[in-house]
Amino acid sequence: MKPMLAGLVTAAAIAGSAFAQTESRPSADPLAVKPVPPQAQTIDTDVIRTKIERAGYTEVSELARDTGGVWRGRAKKGDDAVEVIVDKGGRVKASPR
């Protein structure tokens, strides 16, 4: 009886550890969630703002990245208010508001 009980305990321990391994992803997994610290978002925003300003726009505001990775915001080109888009390729585009 004791060997059978010991076998059951061992089997339960092995099954439990195998289940735990399938529930969590290793940190090297490319699909693992990697939170972006707030300072990284600020640095990205500053880089995009500078890129837009170098393209000749002023008063850049309301910059935000959408779920597709495209940056959108508002700016002025001369006296005209425009909506500015920076696509994934880094190209700055504008459309009138």
N, C-alpha and C. Protein backbone atom coordinates (compact mmCIF):
# COMPACT_ATOMS: atom_id res chain seq x y z
N MET A 1 0.82 -1.19 0.00
CA MET A 1 0.00 0.00 0.00
C MET A 1 0.87 1.26 0.00
N LYS A 2 1.95 1.24 0.82
CA LYS A 2 2.83 2.41 0.88
C LYS A 2 3.50 2.69 -0.46
N PRO A 3 4.00 1.67 -1.20
CA PRO A 3 4.59 1.97 -2.50
C PRO A 3 3.58 2.56 -3.48
N MET A 4 2.33 2.10 -3.40
CA MET A 4 1.30 2.62 -4.30
C MET A 4 0.99 4.08 -3.95
N LEU A 5 0.93 4.40 -2.67
CA LEU A 5 0.67 5.77 -2.22
C LEU A 5 1.83 6.68 -2.63
N ALA A 6 3.05 6.20 -2.48
CA ALA A 6 4.22 6.97 -2.88
C ALA A 6 4.21 7.21 -4.39
N GLY A 7 3.79 6.22 -5.15
CA GLY A 7 3.70 6.36 -6.60
C GLY A 7 2.67 7.39 -7.00
N LEU A 8 1.54 7.42 -6.31
CA LEU A 8 0.49 8.40 -6.60
C LEU A 8 0.96 9.83 -6.28
N VAL A 9 1.65 9.98 -5.16
CA VAL A 9 2.16 11.29 -4.78
C VAL A 9 3.18 11.77 -5.81
N THR A 10 4.07 10.89 -6.23
CA THR A 10 5.07 11.24 -7.24
C THR A 10 4.41 11.61 -8.56
N ALA A 11 3.43 10.83 -8.97
CA ALA A 11 2.72 11.12 -10.23
C ALA A 11 2.00 12.46 -10.16
N ALA A 12 1.40 12.76 -9.01
CA ALA A 12 0.70 14.04 -8.85
C ALA A 12 1.69 15.21 -8.91
N ALA A 13 2.85 15.02 -8.29
CA ALA A 13 3.86 16.09 -8.30
C ALA A 13 4.37 16.34 -9.71
N ILE A 14 4.61 15.28 -10.47
CA ILE A 14 5.09 15.42 -11.85
C ILE A 14 4.02 16.08 -12.71
N ALA A 15 2.78 15.64 -12.57
CA ALA A 15 1.70 16.23 -13.36
C ALA A 15 1.50 17.70 -13.01
N GLY A 16 1.61 18.02 -11.73
CA GLY A 16 1.44 19.41 -11.29
C GLY A 16 2.52 20.31 -11.85
N SER A 17 3.77 19.84 -11.84
CA SER A 17 4.85 20.68 -12.36
C SER A 17 4.76 20.80 -13.88
N ALA A 18 4.31 19.75 -14.56
CA ALA A 18 4.14 19.83 -16.02
C ALA A 18 3.04 20.80 -16.37
N PHE A 19 1.95 20.81 -15.61
CA PHE A 19 0.85 21.74 -15.85
C PHE A 19 1.32 23.18 -15.63
N ALA A 20 2.08 23.40 -14.58
CA ALA A 20 2.58 24.75 -14.29
C ALA A 20 3.48 25.24 -15.41
N GLN A 21 4.24 24.36 -16.02
CA GLN A 21 5.13 24.77 -17.10
C GLN A 21 4.36 25.17 -18.35
N THR A 22 3.22 24.55 -18.59
CA THR A 22 2.46 24.90 -19.79
C THR A 22 1.66 26.17 -19.60
N GLU A 23 1.43 26.60 -18.38
CA GLU A 23 0.61 27.78 -18.12
C GLU A 23 1.39 29.08 -18.27
N SER A 24 2.68 29.07 -18.04
CA SER A 24 3.45 30.31 -18.15
C SER A 24 4.41 30.23 -19.32
N ARG A 25 4.68 31.39 -19.90
CA ARG A 25 5.61 31.45 -21.03
C ARG A 25 6.98 31.88 -20.51
N PRO A 26 8.02 31.31 -21.06
CA PRO A 26 9.35 31.78 -20.67
C PRO A 26 9.59 33.21 -21.13
N SER A 27 10.46 33.91 -20.44
CA SER A 27 10.68 35.33 -20.76
C SER A 27 11.28 35.53 -22.16
N ALA A 28 11.91 34.51 -22.73
CA ALA A 28 12.49 34.64 -24.07
C ALA A 28 11.45 34.47 -25.17
N ASP A 29 10.23 34.12 -24.80
CA ASP A 29 9.16 33.91 -25.77
C ASP A 29 8.79 35.25 -26.43
N PRO A 30 8.82 35.33 -27.76
CA PRO A 30 8.51 36.61 -28.42
C PRO A 30 7.06 37.04 -28.24
N LEU A 31 6.19 36.14 -27.84
CA LEU A 31 4.78 36.49 -27.64
C LEU A 31 4.50 36.92 -26.21
N ALA A 32 5.49 36.84 -25.34
CA ALA A 32 5.29 37.23 -23.95
C ALA A 32 5.02 38.74 -23.88
N VAL A 33 4.18 39.13 -22.94
CA VAL A 33 3.85 40.54 -22.76
C VAL A 33 5.05 41.25 -22.15
N LYS A 34 5.48 42.31 -22.80
CA LYS A 34 6.60 43.10 -22.30
C LYS A 34 6.10 44.53 -22.13
N PRO A 35 5.75 44.93 -20.91
CA PRO A 35 5.23 46.27 -20.71
C PRO A 35 6.24 47.34 -21.12
N VAL A 36 5.73 48.41 -21.70
CA VAL A 36 6.59 49.52 -22.11
C VAL A 36 6.57 50.55 -20.98
N PRO A 37 7.74 50.86 -20.42
CA PRO A 37 7.76 51.85 -19.34
C PRO A 37 7.35 53.23 -19.85
N PRO A 38 6.72 54.04 -18.99
CA PRO A 38 6.24 55.36 -19.42
C PRO A 38 7.33 56.24 -20.02
N GLN A 39 8.56 56.16 -19.51
CA GLN A 39 9.62 57.00 -20.06
C GLN A 39 9.95 56.63 -21.50
N ALA A 40 9.77 55.37 -21.89
CA ALA A 40 10.01 54.96 -23.28
C ALA A 40 8.97 55.60 -24.19
N GLN A 41 7.72 55.66 -23.76
CA GLN A 41 6.66 56.30 -24.54
C GLN A 41 6.99 57.78 -24.73
N THR A 42 7.48 58.43 -23.68
CA THR A 42 7.84 59.85 -23.77
C THR A 42 8.98 60.06 -24.75
N ILE A 43 9.98 59.19 -24.71
CA ILE A 43 11.11 59.31 -25.63
C ILE A 43 10.64 59.13 -27.06
N ASP A 44 9.78 58.13 -27.31
CA ASP A 44 9.23 57.91 -28.65
C ASP A 44 8.47 59.14 -29.14
N THR A 45 7.66 59.72 -28.28
CA THR A 45 6.87 60.90 -28.64
C THR A 45 7.79 62.06 -28.99
N ASP A 46 8.85 62.24 -28.22
CA ASP A 46 9.79 63.33 -28.50
C ASP A 46 10.49 63.13 -29.84
N VAL A 47 10.85 61.90 -30.15
CA VAL A 47 11.51 61.60 -31.43
C VAL A 47 10.56 61.90 -32.59
N ILE A 48 9.31 61.48 -32.48
CA ILE A 48 8.32 61.71 -33.54
C ILE A 48 8.04 63.21 -33.68
N ARG A 49 7.91 63.91 -32.56
CA ARG A 49 7.67 65.36 -32.60
C ARG A 49 8.81 66.05 -33.34
N THR A 50 10.05 65.68 -33.04
CA THR A 50 11.21 66.27 -33.71
C THR A 50 11.20 65.97 -35.21
N LYS A 51 10.84 64.75 -35.57
CA LYS A 51 10.77 64.36 -36.98
C LYS A 51 9.74 65.23 -37.72
N ILE A 52 8.59 65.46 -37.11
CA ILE A 52 7.55 66.29 -37.72
C ILE A 52 8.02 67.73 -37.85
N GLU A 53 8.66 68.25 -36.80
CA GLU A 53 9.15 69.63 -36.85
C GLU A 53 10.23 69.80 -37.92
N ARG A 54 11.07 68.80 -38.09
CA ARG A 54 12.11 68.87 -39.13
C ARG A 54 11.51 68.83 -40.53
N ALA A 55 10.29 68.31 -40.64
CA ALA A 55 9.60 68.28 -41.94
C ALA A 55 8.91 69.61 -42.23
N GLY A 56 9.07 70.60 -41.33
CA GLY A 56 8.56 71.94 -41.59
C GLY A 56 7.26 72.29 -40.88
N TYR A 57 6.84 71.49 -39.94
CA TYR A 57 5.60 71.77 -39.21
C TYR A 57 5.92 72.43 -37.87
N THR A 58 4.96 73.20 -37.37
CA THR A 58 5.10 73.86 -36.06
C THR A 58 3.89 73.52 -35.21
N GLU A 59 3.97 73.91 -33.95
CA GLU A 59 2.86 73.71 -33.00
C GLU A 59 2.33 72.28 -33.02
N VAL A 60 3.22 71.30 -32.97
CA VAL A 60 2.83 69.89 -32.98
C VAL A 60 2.18 69.55 -31.64
N SER A 61 0.99 68.95 -31.71
CA SER A 61 0.27 68.60 -30.48
C SER A 61 -0.54 67.33 -30.68
N GLU A 62 -1.07 66.84 -29.57
CA GLU A 62 -1.97 65.67 -29.56
C GLU A 62 -1.38 64.44 -30.24
N LEU A 63 -0.08 64.22 -30.07
CA LEU A 63 0.55 63.05 -30.68
C LEU A 63 0.16 61.79 -29.93
N ALA A 64 -0.25 60.79 -30.69
CA ALA A 64 -0.59 59.50 -30.10
C ALA A 64 -0.36 58.41 -31.14
N ARG A 65 0.05 57.25 -30.67
CA ARG A 65 0.28 56.11 -31.56
C ARG A 65 -0.97 55.24 -31.52
N ASP A 66 -1.49 54.88 -32.71
CA ASP A 66 -2.66 54.00 -32.75
C ASP A 66 -2.24 52.54 -32.64
N THR A 67 -3.20 51.64 -32.64
CA THR A 67 -2.92 50.22 -32.46
C THR A 67 -2.10 49.63 -33.62
N GLY A 68 -2.11 50.28 -34.77
CA GLY A 68 -1.34 49.82 -35.91
C GLY A 68 0.09 50.35 -35.92
N GLY A 69 0.45 51.17 -34.92
CA GLY A 69 1.80 51.71 -34.84
C GLY A 69 1.98 53.01 -35.60
N VAL A 70 0.89 53.59 -36.09
CA VAL A 70 0.95 54.86 -36.84
C VAL A 70 0.75 56.01 -35.85
N TRP A 71 1.59 57.02 -35.95
CA TRP A 71 1.48 58.20 -35.09
C TRP A 71 0.56 59.21 -35.75
N ARG A 72 -0.31 59.82 -34.97
CA ARG A 72 -1.24 60.84 -35.45
C ARG A 72 -1.19 62.04 -34.51
N GLY A 73 -1.37 63.22 -35.08
CA GLY A 73 -1.37 64.42 -34.26
C GLY A 73 -1.85 65.61 -35.05
N ARG A 74 -1.71 66.77 -34.46
CA ARG A 74 -2.10 68.02 -35.11
C ARG A 74 -0.89 68.93 -35.16
N ALA A 75 -0.84 69.77 -36.19
CA ALA A 75 0.29 70.70 -36.34
C ALA A 75 -0.13 71.84 -37.27
N LYS A 76 0.80 72.75 -37.46
CA LYS A 76 0.58 73.85 -38.41
C LYS A 76 1.67 73.81 -39.46
N LYS A 77 1.26 74.06 -40.69
CA LYS A 77 2.20 74.22 -41.81
C LYS A 77 1.92 75.62 -42.34
N GLY A 78 2.80 76.56 -42.00
CA GLY A 78 2.51 77.96 -42.31
C GLY A 78 1.39 78.42 -41.40
N ASP A 79 0.31 78.93 -42.02
CA ASP A 79 -0.86 79.35 -41.24
C ASP A 79 -1.96 78.30 -41.22
N ASP A 80 -1.77 77.19 -41.94
CA ASP A 80 -2.80 76.16 -42.06
C ASP A 80 -2.67 75.10 -40.97
N ALA A 81 -3.79 74.79 -40.32
CA ALA A 81 -3.83 73.70 -39.34
C ALA A 81 -4.04 72.40 -40.11
N VAL A 82 -3.25 71.40 -39.80
CA VAL A 82 -3.34 70.12 -40.49
C VAL A 82 -3.30 68.97 -39.49
N GLU A 83 -3.77 67.82 -39.95
CA GLU A 83 -3.59 66.58 -39.20
C GLU A 83 -2.36 65.91 -39.77
N VAL A 84 -1.46 65.50 -38.89
CA VAL A 84 -0.19 64.92 -39.29
C VAL A 84 -0.18 63.43 -38.97
N ILE A 85 0.36 62.67 -39.91
CA ILE A 85 0.50 61.22 -39.73
C ILE A 85 1.95 60.86 -40.00
N VAL A 86 2.52 60.04 -39.11
CA VAL A 86 3.85 59.47 -39.35
C VAL A 86 3.64 57.97 -39.44
N ASP A 87 3.81 57.43 -40.65
CA ASP A 87 3.54 56.00 -40.85
C ASP A 87 4.68 55.14 -40.31
N LYS A 88 4.51 53.84 -40.40
CA LYS A 88 5.52 52.91 -39.87
C LYS A 88 6.87 53.07 -40.55
N GLY A 89 6.88 53.56 -41.77
CA GLY A 89 8.12 53.79 -42.50
C GLY A 89 8.79 55.10 -42.14
N GLY A 90 8.16 55.90 -41.26
CA GLY A 90 8.72 57.17 -40.84
C GLY A 90 8.40 58.33 -41.75
N ARG A 91 7.49 58.10 -42.71
CA ARG A 91 7.11 59.18 -43.63
C ARG A 91 6.06 60.08 -42.97
N VAL A 92 6.29 61.39 -43.07
CA VAL A 92 5.38 62.39 -42.50
C VAL A 92 4.41 62.79 -43.59
N LYS A 93 3.11 62.67 -43.29
CA LYS A 93 2.06 63.07 -44.24
C LYS A 93 1.09 63.98 -43.51
N ALA A 94 0.42 64.84 -44.27
CA ALA A 94 -0.53 65.76 -43.67
C ALA A 94 -1.80 65.84 -44.48
N SER A 95 -2.90 66.14 -43.81
CA SER A 95 -4.16 66.39 -44.49
C SER A 95 -4.83 67.55 -43.76
N PRO A 96 -5.55 68.41 -44.49
CA PRO A 96 -6.19 69.58 -43.85
C PRO A 96 -7.24 69.12 -42.85
N ARG A 97 -7.42 69.92 -41.83
CA ARG A 97 -8.44 69.61 -40.81
C ARG A 97 -9.76 70.15 -41.22
